[in-house]
C-alpha atoms as a PDB file:
ATOM      1  CA  MET A   1      86.758 104.282 139.429  1.00  0.00           C
ATOM      2  CA  ALA A   2      87.491 101.451 137.037  1.00  0.00           C
ATOM      3  CA  PRO A   3      87.979 102.455 133.388  1.00  0.00           C
ATOM      4  CA  ARG A   4      85.335 101.592 130.859  1.00  0.00           C
ATOM      5  CA  ILE A   5      86.298  98.547 128.830  1.00  0.00           C
ATOM      6  CA  SER A   6      85.884  98.615 125.058  1.00  0.00           C
ATOM      7  CA  PHE A   7      86.104  94.885 124.374  1.00  0.00           C
ATOM      8  CA  LEU A   8      83.748  94.540 121.448  1.00  0.00           C
ATOM      9  CA  PRO A   9      84.988  95.596 117.977  1.00  0.00           C
ATOM     10  CA  LEU A  10      82.515  97.762 116.109  1.00  0.00           C
ATOM     11  CA  PHE A  11      82.125  95.175 113.406  1.00  0.00           C
ATOM     12  CA  PHE A  12      80.546  92.746 115.857  1.00  0.00           C
ATOM     13  CA  CYS A  13      78.766  95.240 118.058  1.00  0.00           C
ATOM     14  CA  LEU A  14      75.323  93.931 117.153  1.00  0.00           C
ATOM     15  CA  LEU A  15      76.374  90.301 117.405  1.00  0.00           C
ATOM     16  CA  LEU A  16      77.733  90.421 120.925  1.00  0.00           C
ATOM     17  CA  LEU A  17      75.040  92.090 122.984  1.00  0.00           C
ATOM     18  CA  PRO A  18      74.146  91.565 126.649  1.00  0.00           C
ATOM     19  CA  ALA A  19      72.463  88.292 127.462  1.00  0.00           C
ATOM     20  CA  VAL A  20      69.253  88.850 129.417  1.00  0.00           C
ATOM     21  CA  THR A  21      66.754  86.087 130.008  1.00  0.00           C
ATOM     22  CA  LEU A  22      63.189  87.155 129.385  1.00  0.00           C
ATOM     23  CA  ALA A  23      60.680  85.321 131.500  1.00  0.00           C
ATOM     24  CA  ASN A  24      57.433  83.836 130.251  1.00  0.00           C
ATOM     25  CA  VAL A  25      58.466  83.802 126.582  1.00  0.00           C
ATOM     26  CA  VAL A  26      57.431  80.784 124.545  1.00  0.00           C
ATOM     27  CA  ASP A  27      60.332  79.975 122.231  1.00  0.00           C
ATOM     28  CA  ARG A  28      59.763  79.516 118.525  1.00  0.00           C
ATOM     29  CA  THR A  29      61.672  79.650 115.259  1.00  0.00           C
ATOM     30  CA  VAL A  30      61.721  83.089 113.639  1.00  0.00           C
ATOM     31  CA  ALA A  31      64.140  82.383 110.749  1.00  0.00           C
ATOM     32  CA  VAL A  32      65.792  79.503 108.915  1.00  0.00           C
ATOM     33  CA  VAL A  33      69.379  79.781 107.616  1.00  0.00           C
ATOM     34  CA  ASN A  34      70.296  76.697 105.586  1.00  0.00           C
ATOM     35  CA  GLU A  35      70.287  73.847 108.145  1.00  0.00           C
ATOM     36  CA  ASP A  36      70.203  76.191 111.173  1.00  0.00           C
ATOM     37  CA  THR A  37      67.370  78.061 112.817  1.00  0.00           C
ATOM     38  CA  ILE A  38      67.150  81.374 114.647  1.00  0.00           C
ATOM     39  CA  THR A  39      64.827  81.343 117.638  1.00  0.00           C
ATOM     40  CA  LEU A  40      62.818  84.051 119.322  1.00  0.00           C
ATOM     41  CA  SER A  41      64.896  83.618 122.475  1.00  0.00           C
ATOM     42  CA  GLU A  42      68.091  84.344 120.486  1.00  0.00           C
ATOM     43  CA  VAL A  43      66.549  87.529 119.120  1.00  0.00           C
ATOM     44  CA  ASN A  44      65.389  88.617 122.575  1.00  0.00           C
ATOM     45  CA  GLU A  45      68.706  87.718 124.152  1.00  0.00           C
ATOM     46  CA  LEU A  46      70.836  89.639 121.668  1.00  0.00           C
ATOM     47  CA  GLY A  47      68.439  92.514 121.098  1.00  0.00           C
ATOM     48  CA  ASN A  48      67.106  93.078 124.596  1.00  0.00           C
ATOM     49  CA  SER A  49      69.232  96.144 125.370  1.00  0.00           C
ATOM     50  CA  PHE A  50      68.147  97.759 122.086  1.00  0.00           C
ATOM     51  CA  PHE A  51      64.504  96.949 122.726  1.00  0.00           C
ATOM     52  CA  GLN A  52      64.738  98.549 126.169  1.00  0.00           C
ATOM     53  CA  LYS A  53      66.445 101.668 124.831  1.00  0.00           C
ATOM     54  CA  VAL A  54      63.910 102.123 122.025  1.00  0.00           C
ATOM     55  CA  THR A  55      61.025 101.596 124.454  1.00  0.00           C
ATOM     56  CA  GLU A  56      62.392 104.287 126.758  1.00  0.00           C
ATOM     57  CA  GLN A  57      63.072 106.848 124.019  1.00  0.00           C
ATOM     58  CA  THR A  58      60.250 106.371 121.491  1.00  0.00           C
ATOM     59  CA  PRO A  59      56.774 107.957 121.693  1.00  0.00           C
ATOM     60  CA  ALA A  60      54.025 105.391 122.296  1.00  0.00           C
ATOM     61  CA  ASN A  61      52.386 105.912 118.893  1.00  0.00           C
ATOM     62  CA  GLN A  62      55.692 105.162 117.105  1.00  0.00           C
ATOM     63  CA  LEU A  63      56.843 102.332 119.344  1.00  0.00           C
ATOM     64  CA  PRO A  64      55.498  99.288 117.432  1.00  0.00           C
ATOM     65  CA  GLU A  65      57.158 100.364 114.180  1.00  0.00           C
ATOM     66  CA  ALA A  66      60.449 101.242 115.928  1.00  0.00           C
ATOM     67  CA  LEU A  67      60.571  97.881 117.723  1.00  0.00           C
ATOM     68  CA  GLN A  68      59.904  96.093 114.447  1.00  0.00           C
ATOM     69  CA  HIS A  69      62.865  97.854 112.803  1.00  0.00           C
ATOM     70  CA  VAL A  70      65.148  96.825 115.683  1.00  0.00           C
ATOM     71  CA  ARG A  71      63.872  93.257 115.524  1.00  0.00           C
ATOM     72  CA  GLU A  72      64.595  93.081 111.775  1.00  0.00           C
ATOM     73  CA  ALA A  73      68.109  94.491 112.298  1.00  0.00           C
ATOM     74  CA  VAL A  74      68.890  91.939 115.025  1.00  0.00           C
ATOM     75  CA  ILE A  75      67.599  89.046 112.891  1.00  0.00           C
ATOM     76  CA  ASP A  76      69.677  90.288 109.963  1.00  0.00           C
ATOM     77  CA  LYS A  77      72.825  90.292 112.093  1.00  0.00           C
ATOM     78  CA  LEU A  78      71.987  86.837 113.439  1.00  0.00           C
ATOM     79  CA  ILE A  79      71.665  85.586 109.874  1.00  0.00           C
ATOM     80  CA  ASP A  80      75.144  86.906 109.066  1.00  0.00           C
ATOM     81  CA  LYS A  81      76.434  85.283 112.230  1.00  0.00           C
ATOM     82  CA  LYS A  82      74.949  81.896 111.342  1.00  0.00           C
ATOM     83  CA  LEU A  83      76.371  82.098 107.817  1.00  0.00           C
ATOM     84  CA  LEU A  84      79.847  82.939 109.098  1.00  0.00           C
ATOM     85  CA  LEU A  85      79.784  80.023 111.546  1.00  0.00           C
ATOM     86  CA  GLN A  86      78.585  77.672 108.817  1.00  0.00           C
ATOM     87  CA  GLU A  87      81.398  78.754 106.493  1.00  0.00           C
ATOM     88  CA  ALA A  88      83.964  78.290 109.269  1.00  0.00           C
ATOM     89  CA  LYS A  89      82.652  74.793 109.893  1.00  0.00           C
ATOM     90  CA  LYS A  90      82.976  73.927 106.191  1.00  0.00           C
ATOM     91  CA  LEU A  91      86.631  75.013 106.254  1.00  0.00           C
ATOM     92  CA  ASN A  92      87.280  73.170 109.533  1.00  0.00           C
ATOM     93  CA  ILE A  93      88.300  76.425 111.244  1.00  0.00           C
ATOM     94  CA  ARG A  94      88.245  75.987 115.017  1.00  0.00           C
ATOM     95  CA  VAL A  95      89.035  78.016 118.120  1.00  0.00           C
ATOM     96  CA  SER A  96      90.588  76.335 121.157  1.00  0.00           C
ATOM     97  CA  ASP A  97      90.120  77.269 124.818  1.00  0.00           C
ATOM     98  CA  GLU A  98      93.747  78.460 124.751  1.00  0.00           C
ATOM     99  CA  ASP A  99      92.908  80.827 121.866  1.00  0.00           C
ATOM    100  CA  VAL A 100      90.055  82.321 123.873  1.00  0.00           C
ATOM    101  CA  GLU A 101      92.161  82.698 127.024  1.00  0.00           C
ATOM    102  CA  SER A 102      95.011  84.361 125.104  1.00  0.00           C
ATOM    103  CA  ALA A 103      92.602  86.788 123.435  1.00  0.00           C
ATOM    104  CA  LEU A 104      91.000  87.651 126.775  1.00  0.00           C
ATOM    105  CA  GLN A 105      94.372  88.294 128.408  1.00  0.00           C
ATOM    106  CA  ARG A 106      95.355  90.575 125.504  1.00  0.00           C
ATOM    107  CA  LEU A 107      92.109  92.506 125.917  1.00  0.00           C
ATOM    108  CA  LEU A 108      92.726  92.922 129.643  1.00  0.00           C
ATOM    109  CA  ALA A 109      96.279  94.114 129.003  1.00  0.00           C
ATOM    110  CA  SER A 110      95.321  96.559 126.256  1.00  0.00           C
ATOM    111  CA  ASN A 111      92.581  98.029 128.444  1.00  0.00           C
ATOM    112  CA  LYS A 112      94.871  98.084 131.503  1.00  0.00           C
ATOM    113  CA  THR A 113      92.281  96.382 133.660  1.00  0.00           C
ATOM    114  CA  THR A 114      92.066  93.401 135.979  1.00  0.00           C
ATOM    115  CA  MET A 115      89.903  90.304 135.739  1.00  0.00           C
ATOM    116  CA  GLU A 116      87.836  91.592 138.653  1.00  0.00           C
ATOM    117  CA  GLN A 117      87.182  94.913 136.894  1.00  0.00           C
ATOM    118  CA  PHE A 118      86.392  93.032 133.692  1.00  0.00           C
ATOM    119  CA  ARG A 119      83.781  90.862 135.444  1.00  0.00           C
ATOM    120  CA  LYS A 120      82.151  93.957 136.949  1.00  0.00           C
ATOM    121  CA  GLU A 121      82.087  95.653 133.533  1.00  0.00           C
ATOM    122  CA  ILE A 122      80.443  92.796 131.669  1.00  0.00           C
ATOM    123  CA  GLY A 123      78.116  92.273 134.634  1.00  0.00           C
ATOM    124  CA  SER A 124      76.864  95.819 134.180  1.00  0.00           C
ATOM    125  CA  MET A 125      76.108  94.825 130.572  1.00  0.00           C
ATOM    126  CA  GLY A 126      74.001  91.891 131.757  1.00  0.00           C
ATOM    127  CA  MET A 127      76.590  89.287 130.761  1.00  0.00           C
ATOM    128  CA  ASN A 128      78.606  86.755 132.765  1.00  0.00           C
ATOM    129  CA  GLU A 129      82.139  85.536 132.053  1.00  0.00           C
ATOM    130  CA  LYS A 130      81.038  82.253 130.480  1.00  0.00           C
ATOM    131  CA  GLN A 131      78.753  84.074 128.048  1.00  0.00           C
ATOM    132  CA  TYR A 132      81.455  86.565 127.173  1.00  0.00           C
ATOM    133  CA  ARG A 133      83.994  83.807 126.538  1.00  0.00           C
ATOM    134  CA  GLU A 134      81.590  82.053 124.180  1.00  0.00           C
ATOM    135  CA  ASP A 135      80.914  85.287 122.334  1.00  0.00           C
ATOM    136  CA  LEU A 136      84.663  85.899 122.160  1.00  0.00           C
ATOM    137  CA  ARG A 137      85.146  82.392 120.762  1.00  0.00           C
ATOM    138  CA  GLU A 138      82.668  83.117 117.972  1.00  0.00           C
ATOM    139  CA  GLN A 139      84.306  86.460 117.310  1.00  0.00           C
ATOM    140  CA  ILE A 140      87.750  84.831 116.971  1.00  0.00           C
ATOM    141  CA  LEU A 141      86.266  82.152 114.730  1.00  0.00           C
ATOM    142  CA  SER A 142      84.738  84.794 112.479  1.00  0.00           C
ATOM    143  CA  SER A 143      87.998  86.729 112.461  1.00  0.00           C
ATOM    144  CA  LYS A 144      89.948  83.639 111.383  1.00  0.00           C
ATOM    145  CA  LEU A 145      87.444  83.021 108.612  1.00  0.00           C
ATOM    146  CA  ILE A 146      87.623  86.630 107.415  1.00  0.00           C
ATOM    147  CA  ASN A 147      91.425  86.491 107.428  1.00  0.00           C
ATOM    148  CA  TYR A 148      91.292  83.317 105.356  1.00  0.00           C
ATOM    149  CA  GLU A 149      88.690  84.490 102.877  1.00  0.00           C
ATOM    150  CA  ILE A 150      89.314  88.246 102.742  1.00  0.00           C
ATOM    151  CA  ARG A 151      92.515  89.607 104.260  1.00  0.00           C
ATOM    152  CA  SER A 152      94.840  87.094 102.587  1.00  0.00           C
ATOM    153  CA  LYS A 153      93.477  88.099  99.176  1.00  0.00           C
ATOM    154  CA  VAL A 154      93.851  91.869  99.611  1.00  0.00           C
ATOM    155  CA  VAL A 155      97.127  93.166  98.164  1.00  0.00           C
ATOM    156  CA  ILE A 156      97.925  96.880  98.134  1.00  0.00           C
ATOM    157  CA  SER A 157     100.617  97.728  95.590  1.00  0.00           C
ATOM    158  CA  GLU A 158     103.339 100.304  96.103  1.00  0.00           C
ATOM    159  CA  ASP A 159     101.872 102.328  93.227  1.00  0.00           C
ATOM    160  CA  LYS A 160      98.530 102.605  95.030  1.00  0.00           C
ATOM    161  CA  ILE A 161     100.228 103.776  98.207  1.00  0.00           C
ATOM    162  CA  LYS A 162     102.293 106.396  96.389  1.00  0.00           C
ATOM    163  CA  ASN A 163      99.293 107.558  94.398  1.00  0.00           C
ATOM    164  CA  TYR A 164      97.294 108.035  97.601  1.00  0.00           C
ATOM    165  CA  TYR A 165     100.161 109.969  99.195  1.00  0.00           C
ATOM    166  CA  ASP A 166     100.755 112.152  96.118  1.00  0.00           C
ATOM    167  CA  ASN A 167      97.088 113.068  95.746  1.00  0.00           C
ATOM    168  CA  ILE A 168      96.418 114.166  99.288  1.00  0.00           C
ATOM    169  CA  GLN A 169      94.907 117.622  99.489  1.00  0.00           C
ATOM    170  CA  ASN A 170      97.181 120.312 100.883  1.00  0.00           C
ATOM    171  CA  THR A 171      94.915 120.690 103.880  1.00  0.00           C
ATOM    172  CA  GLU A 172      95.078 116.998 104.770  1.00  0.00           C
ATOM    173  CA  LYS A 173      97.767 115.902 107.183  1.00  0.00           C
ATOM    174  CA  ILE A 174      99.212 112.416 107.518  1.00  0.00           C
ATOM    175  CA  THR A 175     100.850 111.573 110.818  1.00  0.00           C
ATOM    176  CA  VAL A 176     101.433 108.423 112.763  1.00  0.00           C
ATOM    177  CA  SER A 177      99.652 107.945 116.070  1.00  0.00           C
ATOM    178  CA  GLY A 178     101.647 109.554 118.861  1.00  0.00           C
ATOM    179  CA  ASP A 179     103.713 112.690 119.322  1.00  0.00           C
ATOM    180  CA  TYR A 180     107.091 111.551 118.034  1.00  0.00           C
ATOM    181  CA  TYR A 181     108.227 108.870 115.601  1.00  0.00           C
ATOM    182  CA  LEU A 182     111.998 108.640 115.951  1.00  0.00           C
ATOM    183  CA  LEU A 183     115.064 107.040 114.402  1.00  0.00           C
ATOM    184  CA  GLN A 184     118.307 106.879 116.388  1.00  0.00           C
ATOM    185  CA  ILE A 185     122.050 106.473 115.779  1.00  0.00           C
ATOM    186  CA  GLY A 186     124.553 106.194 118.617  1.00  0.00           C
ATOM    187  CA  CYS A 187     128.350 105.837 118.768  1.00  0.00           C
ATOM    188  CA  LEU A 188     129.717 104.532 122.067  1.00  0.00           C
ATOM    189  CA  TRP A 189     133.104 104.889 123.699  1.00  0.00           C
ATOM    190  CA  GLY A 190     134.897 102.874 126.391  1.00  0.00           C
ATOM    191  CA  ALA A 191     133.408  99.554 125.276  1.00  0.00           C
ATOM    192  CA  LYS A 192     133.927  97.212 122.374  1.00  0.00           C
ATOM    193  CA  GLY A 193     131.970  98.272 119.335  1.00  0.00           C
ATOM    194  CA  ARG A 194     130.657  96.190 116.478  1.00  0.00           C
ATOM    195  CA  ASP A 195     134.102  96.110 114.898  1.00  0.00           C
ATOM    196  CA  GLY A 196     135.683  94.789 118.107  1.00  0.00           C
ATOM    197  CA  ALA A 197     137.551  98.025 118.840  1.00  0.00           C
ATOM    198  CA  SER A 198     137.165 100.131 121.996  1.00  0.00           C
ATOM    199  CA  PRO A 199     137.048 103.753 120.802  1.00  0.00           C
ATOM    200  CA  THR A 200     137.960 106.702 122.961  1.00  0.00           C
ATOM    201  CA  LYS A 201     135.473 109.464 123.724  1.00  0.00           C
ATOM    202  CA  ALA A 202     137.039 111.649 121.027  1.00  0.00           C
ATOM    203  CA  GLU A 203     136.921 108.826 118.481  1.00  0.00           C
ATOM    204  CA  ALA A 204     133.258 108.129 119.264  1.00  0.00           C
ATOM    205  CA  LYS A 205     132.413 111.805 118.780  1.00  0.00           C
ATOM    206  CA  ALA A 206     134.330 111.969 115.495  1.00  0.00           C
ATOM    207  CA  LYS A 207     132.504 108.898 114.225  1.00  0.00           C
ATOM    208  CA  ALA A 208     129.118 110.294 115.254  1.00  0.00           C
ATOM    209  CA  GLU A 209     129.845 113.620 113.544  1.00  0.00           C
ATOM    210  CA  LYS A 210     130.902 111.810 110.369  1.00  0.00           C
ATOM    211  CA  VAL A 211     127.719 109.714 110.259  1.00  0.00           C
ATOM    212  CA  ARG A 212     125.528 112.726 111.079  1.00  0.00           C
ATOM    213  CA  ASN A 213     127.084 114.642 108.183  1.00  0.00           C
ATOM    214  CA  LEU A 214     126.170 111.770 105.869  1.00  0.00           C
ATOM    215  CA  ALA A 215     122.581 111.900 107.147  1.00  0.00           C
ATOM    216  CA  MET A 216     122.471 115.667 106.654  1.00  0.00           C
ATOM    217  CA  LYS A 217     123.626 115.186 103.047  1.00  0.00           C
ATOM    218  CA  GLY A 218     120.649 112.942 102.405  1.00  0.00           C
ATOM    219  CA  ASP A 219     121.975 109.419 102.963  1.00  0.00           C
ATOM    220  CA  ASP A 220     119.244 107.053 104.142  1.00  0.00           C
ATOM    221  CA  PHE A 221     119.130 107.239 107.934  1.00  0.00           C
ATOM    222  CA  LYS A 222     118.083 103.613 108.432  1.00  0.00           C
ATOM    223  CA  THR A 223     120.901 102.363 106.236  1.00  0.00           C
ATOM    224  CA  LEU A 224     123.381 104.490 108.167  1.00  0.00           C
ATOM    225  CA  ALA A 225     122.036 103.155 111.473  1.00  0.00           C
ATOM    226  CA  LYS A 226     122.459  99.557 110.372  1.00  0.00           C
ATOM    227  CA  GLN A 227     125.994 100.268 109.190  1.00  0.00           C
ATOM    228  CA  TYR A 228     127.384 102.552 111.911  1.00  0.00           C
ATOM    229  CA  SER A 229     125.223 102.651 115.063  1.00  0.00           C
ATOM    230  CA  ASP A 230     126.492 100.849 118.166  1.00  0.00           C
ATOM    231  CA  LEU A 231     123.056 100.760 119.797  1.00  0.00           C
ATOM    232  CA  PRO A 232     120.600  97.809 119.910  1.00  0.00           C
ATOM    233  CA  SER A 233     118.208  99.734 117.647  1.00  0.00           C
ATOM    234  CA  ALA A 234     120.740  99.400 114.785  1.00  0.00           C
ATOM    235  CA  ALA A 235     119.235  96.034 113.854  1.00  0.00           C
ATOM    236  CA  ASP A 236     115.929  97.823 113.092  1.00  0.00           C
ATOM    237  CA  GLY A 237     117.567 100.660 111.198  1.00  0.00           C
ATOM    238  CA  GLY A 238     117.592 102.828 114.313  1.00  0.00           C
ATOM    239  CA  ASP A 239     113.780 102.671 114.500  1.00  0.00           C
ATOM    240  CA  LEU A 240     112.692 103.554 118.038  1.00  0.00           C
ATOM    241  CA  GLY A 241     109.002 103.666 117.165  1.00  0.00           C
ATOM    242  CA  VAL A 242     106.339 106.137 118.276  1.00  0.00           C
ATOM    243  CA  PHE A 243     106.288 107.885 121.643  1.00  0.00           C
ATOM    244  CA  GLN A 244     104.079 110.358 123.412  1.00  0.00           C
ATOM    245  CA  LYS A 245     105.914 113.519 124.447  1.00  0.00           C
ATOM    246  CA  ASP A 246     106.015 112.573 128.125  1.00  0.00           C
ATOM    247  CA  GLU A 247     107.288 109.049 127.407  1.00  0.00           C
ATOM    248  CA  ILE A 248     110.733 109.957 126.096  1.00  0.00           C
ATOM    249  CA  ALA A 249     113.824 110.954 128.063  1.00  0.00           C
ATOM    250  CA  ALA A 250     114.336 114.681 128.556  1.00  0.00           C
ATOM    251  CA  TYR A 251     117.582 114.759 126.580  1.00  0.00           C
ATOM    252  CA  ILE A 252     115.857 113.172 123.558  1.00  0.00           C
ATOM    253  CA  ARG A 253     112.838 115.459 123.829  1.00  0.00           C
ATOM    254  CA  ASP A 254     115.093 118.523 123.957  1.00  0.00           C
ATOM    255  CA  ALA A 255     116.997 117.309 120.890  1.00  0.00           C
ATOM    256  CA  VAL A 256     113.930 116.743 118.690  1.00  0.00           C
ATOM    257  CA  ASN A 257     111.421 119.229 120.095  1.00  0.00           C
ATOM    258  CA  ASN A 258     111.988 121.890 117.425  1.00  0.00           C
ATOM    259  CA  LEU A 259     112.584 119.563 114.492  1.00  0.00           C
ATOM    260  CA  LYS A 260     110.262 119.247 111.525  1.00  0.00           C
ATOM    261  CA  PRO A 261     109.503 115.820 110.018  1.00  0.00           C
ATOM    262  CA  GLY A 262     112.556 114.526 108.164  1.00  0.00           C
ATOM    263  CA  GLU A 263     115.079 116.725 109.991  1.00  0.00           C
ATOM    264  CA  VAL A 264     118.104 115.424 111.909  1.00  0.00           C
ATOM    265  CA  SER A 265     118.990 116.580 115.420  1.00  0.00           C
ATOM    266  CA  GLN A 266     122.262 117.886 116.780  1.00  0.00           C
ATOM    267  CA  LEU A 267     124.639 115.486 118.535  1.00  0.00           C
ATOM    268  CA  VAL A 268     123.671 114.679 122.111  1.00  0.00           C
ATOM    269  CA  GLU A 269     126.352 113.576 124.578  1.00  0.00           C
ATOM    270  CA  THR A 270     125.294 110.709 126.830  1.00  0.00           C
ATOM    271  CA  GLU A 271     127.033 108.921 129.678  1.00  0.00           C
ATOM    272  CA  ASN A 272     129.010 106.632 127.354  1.00  0.00           C
ATOM    273  CA  GLY A 273     128.668 108.017 123.852  1.00  0.00           C
ATOM    274  CA  TYR A 274     127.040 110.375 121.379  1.00  0.00           C
ATOM    275  CA  GLN A 275     123.608 110.085 119.779  1.00  0.00           C
ATOM    276  CA  PHE A 276     121.517 111.926 117.235  1.00  0.00           C
ATOM    277  CA  PHE A 277     117.988 111.434 115.934  1.00  0.00           C
ATOM    278  CA  GLN A 278     115.777 111.849 112.913  1.00  0.00           C
ATOM    279  CA  LEU A 279     112.187 112.904 113.450  1.00  0.00           C
ATOM    280  CA  LEU A 280     109.933 111.036 111.036  1.00  0.00           C
ATOM    281  CA  ALA A 281     106.621 112.455 112.208  1.00  0.00           C
ATOM    282  CA  ASN A 282     105.228 114.793 114.835  1.00  0.00           C
ATOM    283  CA  GLN A 283     101.537 114.967 115.672  1.00  0.00           C
ATOM    284  CA  GLY A 284     101.938 117.960 117.951  1.00  0.00           C
ATOM    285  CA  GLN A 285     101.328 121.588 117.129  1.00  0.00           C
ATOM    286  CA  SER A 286     103.653 124.524 116.610  1.00  0.00           C
ATOM    287  CA  GLN A 287     103.599 127.507 118.928  1.00  0.00           C
ATOM    288  CA  GLU A 288     101.281 129.302 116.520  1.00  0.00           C
ATOM    289  CA  GLY A 289      98.814 126.401 116.814  1.00  0.00           C
ATOM    290  CA  LYS A 290      99.289 125.262 113.229  1.00  0.00           C
ATOM    291  CA  THR A 291      99.527 121.562 112.510  1.00  0.00           C
ATOM    292  CA  ILE A 292     103.019 120.516 111.458  1.00  0.00           C
ATOM    293  CA  ASP A 293     103.401 119.462 107.831  1.00  0.00           C
ATOM    294  CA  LYS A 294     102.689 115.875 106.864  1.00  0.00           C
ATOM    295  CA  ALA A 295     105.479 113.394 107.450  1.00  0.00           C
ATOM    296  CA  PRO A 296     107.788 112.054 104.714  1.00  0.00           C
ATOM    297  CA  TYR A 297     106.465 109.216 102.593  1.00  0.00           C
ATOM    298  CA  GLU A 298     108.522 106.451 104.215  1.00  0.00           C
ATOM    299  CA  SER A 299     107.310 107.315 107.699  1.00  0.00           C
ATOM    300  CA  VAL A 300     103.624 106.947 106.783  1.00  0.00           C
ATOM    301  CA  ARG A 301     103.871 104.311 104.067  1.00  0.00           C
ATOM    302  CA  GLU A 302     102.675 101.435 106.262  1.00  0.00           C
ATOM    303  CA  GLU A 303      99.918 103.560 107.773  1.00  0.00           C
ATOM    304  CA  ILE A 304      98.592 104.313 104.287  1.00  0.00           C
ATOM    305  CA  ARG A 305      98.876 100.639 103.321  1.00  0.00           C
ATOM    306  CA  GLU A 306      96.814  99.674 106.371  1.00  0.00           C
ATOM    307  CA  LYS A 307      94.187 102.309 105.604  1.00  0.00           C
ATOM    308  CA  LEU A 308      93.844 101.182 101.990  1.00  0.00           C
ATOM    309  CA  SER A 309      93.819  97.538 103.062  1.00  0.00           C
ATOM    310  CA  GLN A 310      90.990  98.213 105.502  1.00  0.00           C
ATOM    311  CA  GLN A 311      88.961  99.982 102.823  1.00  0.00           C
ATOM    312  CA  ALA A 312      89.521  97.141 100.355  1.00  0.00           C
ATOM    313  CA  MET A 313      88.613  94.533 102.988  1.00  0.00           C
ATOM    314  CA  GLU A 314      85.337  96.251 103.809  1.00  0.00           C
ATOM    315  CA  ILE A 315      84.366  96.230 100.135  1.00  0.00           C
ATOM    316  CA  ARG A 316      85.422  92.602  99.657  1.00  0.00           C
ATOM    317  CA  PHE A 317      83.634  91.528 102.825  1.00  0.00           C
ATOM    318  CA  LYS A 318      80.333  93.065 101.701  1.00  0.00           C
ATOM    319  CA  GLU A 319      80.688  91.375  98.320  1.00  0.00           C
ATOM    320  CA  TRP A 320      81.623  88.053  99.925  1.00  0.00           C
ATOM    321  CA  MET A 321      78.709  88.148 102.372  1.00  0.00           C
ATOM    322  CA  LYS A 322      76.328  88.983  99.540  1.00  0.00           C
ATOM    323  CA  SER A 323      77.564  85.991  97.544  1.00  0.00           C
ATOM    324  CA  ILE A 324      77.068  83.703 100.556  1.00  0.00           C
ATOM    325  CA  ARG A 325      73.592  85.098 101.190  1.00  0.00           C
ATOM    326  CA  ASP A 326      72.679  84.697  97.525  1.00  0.00           C
ATOM    327  CA  LYS A 327      73.608  80.988  97.658  1.00  0.00           C
ATOM    328  CA  ALA A 328      72.004  80.328 101.045  1.00  0.00           C
ATOM    329  CA  TYR A 329      68.472  79.249 101.910  1.00  0.00           C
ATOM    330  CA  ILE A 330      67.134  82.013 104.161  1.00  0.00           C
ATOM    331  CA  LYS A 331      63.551  82.312 105.287  1.00  0.00           C
ATOM    332  CA  ILE A 332      62.231  84.768 107.861  1.00  0.00           C
ATOM    333  CA  LEU A 333      59.012  83.495 109.448  1.00  0.00           C
END
């Protein structure tokens, strides 16, 4: 059975609804937004699935009022949509066919689905590929506009991030998404290292032990990785990223399985060297079923920044949309 596809971001969930043609409907203008109009067919097209759901679930004596509320909500979202498109036009923001195709391919990849499965999914929503691509084009256009007007003007200072981290309640846990967030340092033998030398197995082990001792004493792990590690991850400060438990090699999992966030593993001998790891965060649970303590500040710093940025953007967006609405000519007929 093909997986369900979550292609439509929540923010636009009311804008991008299934397109269903309603027969025998005489089209007319239901709202004016500056130089644009919103027609009855647009309302029916975007709101049809909601109208059907409300009709099926609402008692007959409450149905007229319920349908009116849905109609008003759909018109309100269409007004926002028209205003966003008008603003994008003023700023000469455009979306090419290549932009749409790239976005669609990313959606397919992230949902691990094929084009055939995608067409079946949107077909079950009452939408064809052409309609979806046009909706996706408008979504990208709106996203570009929001990035220009909102995201670029949101700056989260280091003080705000630290203040958020320091004031978290004891019961609140901060972890990155995934089971393990790991840093790595490795010292190789039998091949030329970064200094051009070819260390022996004993020399590689001695070097690894020396660097591990520095990490255990509190030296910054990423700095040590950049300075001493012979592995490709050295360029990123040994940052391997986040992995689910079943995604990492058994020898790594065994080395970090009992570590707490911030702790450094024992040396692990590999085929051509020695490695050790620092666990930055673990979203798993201890044997007693208690959530592991929150991760060190550095490991969650960017996650906090993103969370605060999202909150600030939502506030700014509401304020920005209100200012646009206040300046616009809007009339609901």
